[in-house]
Amino acid sequence: MARPSSNTKQIAVVNPKKMGRPSKRTNDVIERILDGISKGVTLTTICEAEDMPVRQKVYEWMENDSELSGRVARARERGYDAIAEEALRIADFSALDTLINEKTGNPQLDSEWVARSRLRVETRLKLLAKWSPKRYGEKIEVEGTLKLQPITYIGGDA
């Protein structure tokens, strides 16, 4: 067997870094997911972070763990409240509703800003009504009177 000469280069084998998203379930990952959801952040947005698992992996965890599924459901309820509060903040914020007309120097309505704010509020409210209809859906009440008339049976074989 021949020995390598002194001018032979030695190649170090380096384990390549794993590519892709983490899929390991840790308490830290779960707490970050629950915290985000309870603040009204969507699971899709949370899972966009490079150090978070893909959304489908979280759904798999929830399917296999009823306790986690319950915790996510409770976090979502808190998140719905956060989204409702955000809609109220958007609606109440009026500092940018007007701008100064460059020609006249007078304030005027910034209809683009107002329309965009309205869209943001309406989108949140519509999503809340779909996600949690008992709490945020419109309640429909039906009122009316019903008049019943007696039915008289007139002779014949029964």
Protein backbone atom coordinates (compact mmCIF):
# COMPACT_ATOMS: atom_id res chain seq x y z
CA MET A 1 0.00 0.00 0.00
CA ALA A 2 1.40 3.35 -0.98
CA ARG A 3 1.45 6.21 1.42
CA PRO A 4 0.28 9.60 0.28
CA SER A 5 3.14 11.90 -0.55
CA SER A 6 3.66 15.00 1.51
CA ASN A 7 2.37 17.22 -1.27
CA THR A 8 -1.08 15.49 -1.39
CA LYS A 9 -3.88 17.74 -0.19
CA GLN A 10 -6.13 16.39 2.48
CA ILE A 11 -9.81 17.20 2.14
CA ALA A 12 -11.81 17.72 5.27
CA VAL A 13 -15.31 16.33 5.15
CA VAL A 14 -17.73 18.91 6.46
CA ASN A 15 -21.30 18.01 7.24
CA PRO A 16 -23.43 20.41 5.25
CA LYS A 17 -25.86 22.56 7.16
CA LYS A 18 -29.41 21.28 6.99
CA MET A 19 -31.59 23.25 4.65
CA GLY A 20 -35.26 24.02 5.15
CA ARG A 21 -37.50 24.96 8.01
CA PRO A 22 -37.33 23.49 11.49
CA SER A 23 -39.91 20.81 12.09
CA LYS A 24 -39.01 19.93 15.65
CA ARG A 25 -41.71 20.80 18.15
CA THR A 26 -40.30 22.65 21.14
CA ASN A 27 -41.97 24.50 23.98
CA ASP A 28 -40.41 27.74 22.73
CA VAL A 29 -41.88 27.30 19.24
CA ILE A 30 -45.32 26.43 20.63
CA GLU A 31 -45.30 29.42 22.99
CA ARG A 32 -44.30 31.77 20.18
CA ILE A 33 -47.11 30.43 18.00
CA LEU A 34 -49.69 30.79 20.79
CA ASP A 35 -48.45 34.27 21.67
CA GLY A 36 -48.73 35.44 18.08
CA ILE A 37 -52.17 33.94 17.55
CA SER A 38 -53.44 35.50 20.80
CA LYS A 39 -52.29 38.91 19.49
CA GLY A 40 -54.32 38.48 16.30
CA VAL A 41 -51.43 37.44 14.06
CA THR A 42 -52.38 34.75 11.58
CA LEU A 43 -50.68 31.37 11.67
CA THR A 44 -49.55 31.95 8.08
CA THR A 45 -47.74 35.15 9.11
CA ILE A 46 -46.19 33.51 12.17
CA CYS A 47 -44.89 30.62 10.08
CA GLU A 48 -43.29 32.94 7.52
CA ALA A 49 -40.37 33.47 9.92
CA GLU A 50 -37.35 31.40 8.91
CA ASP A 51 -36.98 29.92 12.39
CA MET A 52 -40.58 28.71 12.53
CA PRO A 53 -42.11 25.53 11.08
CA VAL A 54 -44.33 25.62 8.03
CA ARG A 55 -48.03 26.05 8.71
CA GLN A 56 -48.90 22.50 7.68
CA LYS A 57 -46.54 21.10 10.34
CA VAL A 58 -48.37 23.09 13.03
CA TYR A 59 -51.69 21.69 11.78
CA GLU A 60 -50.23 18.18 12.00
CA TRP A 61 -49.18 18.82 15.60
CA MET A 62 -52.71 20.04 16.39
CA GLU A 63 -54.32 16.98 14.77
CA ASN A 64 -52.19 14.68 16.91
CA ASP A 65 -52.47 16.62 20.19
CA SER A 66 -55.91 17.62 21.47
CA GLU A 67 -54.38 19.68 24.28
CA LEU A 68 -52.41 21.77 21.78
CA SER A 69 -55.51 22.09 19.61
CA GLY A 70 -57.44 23.44 22.61
CA ARG A 71 -54.68 25.88 23.49
CA VAL A 72 -54.66 27.18 19.92
CA ALA A 73 -58.47 27.56 19.99
CA ARG A 74 -58.26 29.60 23.21
CA ALA A 75 -55.44 31.71 21.75
CA ARG A 76 -57.57 32.34 18.67
CA GLU A 77 -60.44 33.62 20.82
CA ARG A 78 -58.06 36.12 22.44
CA GLY A 79 -56.72 36.94 18.98
CA TYR A 80 -60.22 37.74 17.73
CA ASP A 81 -60.58 40.26 20.53
CA ALA A 82 -57.21 41.76 19.58
CA ILE A 83 -58.34 42.09 15.95
CA ALA A 84 -61.60 43.75 17.07
CA GLU A 85 -59.63 46.21 19.20
CA GLU A 86 -57.34 46.92 16.26
CA ALA A 87 -60.38 47.66 14.06
CA LEU A 88 -61.59 50.13 16.66
CA ARG A 89 -58.15 51.81 16.81
CA ILE A 90 -58.11 52.15 13.02
CA ALA A 91 -61.61 53.62 12.99
CA ASP A 92 -60.81 56.08 15.78
CA PHE A 93 -57.50 57.27 14.30
CA SER A 94 -58.26 60.44 12.39
CA ALA A 95 -54.93 62.29 12.37
CA LEU A 96 -54.33 61.50 8.71
CA ASP A 97 -57.91 61.96 7.47
CA THR A 98 -57.09 65.44 6.19
CA LEU A 99 -54.20 66.90 4.26
CA ILE A 100 -53.26 70.41 3.27
CA ASN A 101 -54.14 71.45 -0.26
CA GLU A 102 -50.89 72.65 -1.86
CA LYS A 103 -52.62 75.32 -3.93
CA THR A 104 -54.95 76.82 -1.33
CA GLY A 105 -53.19 75.89 1.88
CA ASN A 106 -56.54 74.73 3.28
CA PRO A 107 -57.16 71.34 4.85
CA GLN A 108 -59.12 68.89 2.75
CA LEU A 109 -60.34 65.36 3.20
CA ASP A 110 -57.84 62.70 2.14
CA SER A 111 -60.44 60.40 0.61
CA GLU A 112 -57.86 57.76 -0.32
CA TRP A 113 -56.71 57.46 3.30
CA VAL A 114 -60.27 57.38 4.62
CA ALA A 115 -61.29 54.72 2.07
CA ARG A 116 -58.25 52.60 2.92
CA SER A 117 -59.02 52.87 6.64
CA ARG A 118 -62.63 51.87 5.98
CA LEU A 119 -61.44 48.85 3.97
CA ARG A 120 -59.09 47.80 6.76
CA VAL A 121 -61.86 48.00 9.36
CA GLU A 122 -64.45 46.25 7.19
CA THR A 123 -62.05 43.44 6.29
CA ARG A 124 -61.30 42.75 9.93
CA LEU A 125 -64.96 42.83 10.91
CA LYS A 126 -65.99 40.51 8.07
CA LEU A 127 -63.26 38.03 8.99
CA LEU A 128 -64.31 38.14 12.63
CA ALA A 129 -67.93 37.47 11.63
CA LYS A 130 -66.79 34.41 9.64
CA TRP A 131 -64.30 33.10 12.19
CA SER A 132 -66.47 33.65 15.26
CA PRO A 133 -70.07 34.26 14.16
CA LYS A 134 -71.58 33.83 17.63
CA ARG A 135 -69.45 36.64 19.01
CA TYR A 136 -68.93 38.91 16.01
CA GLY A 137 -71.63 38.00 13.48
CA GLU A 138 -74.72 40.06 12.99
CA LYS A 139 -77.61 38.82 15.05
CA ILE A 140 -80.72 38.32 12.99
CA GLU A 141 -83.99 38.46 14.86
CA VAL A 142 -87.19 37.38 13.22
CA GLU A 143 -90.39 38.94 14.43
CA GLY A 144 -93.92 38.44 13.28
CA THR A 145 -97.32 37.18 14.18
CA LEU A 146 -98.88 33.94 13.20
CA LYS A 147 -102.63 33.71 12.81
CA LEU A 148 -104.04 30.24 13.06
CA GLN A 149 -107.53 29.48 11.89
CA PRO A 150 -109.35 26.46 13.20
CA ILE A 151 -109.97 23.62 10.76
CA THR A 152 -113.48 22.24 10.85
CA TYR A 153 -113.98 18.65 9.75
CA ILE A 154 -117.28 18.23 7.98
CA GLY A 155 -118.82 14.75 7.92
CA GLY A 156 -117.81 11.80 5.86
CA ASP A 157 -115.84 8.70 6.62
CA ALA A 158 -112.63 9.25 8.42
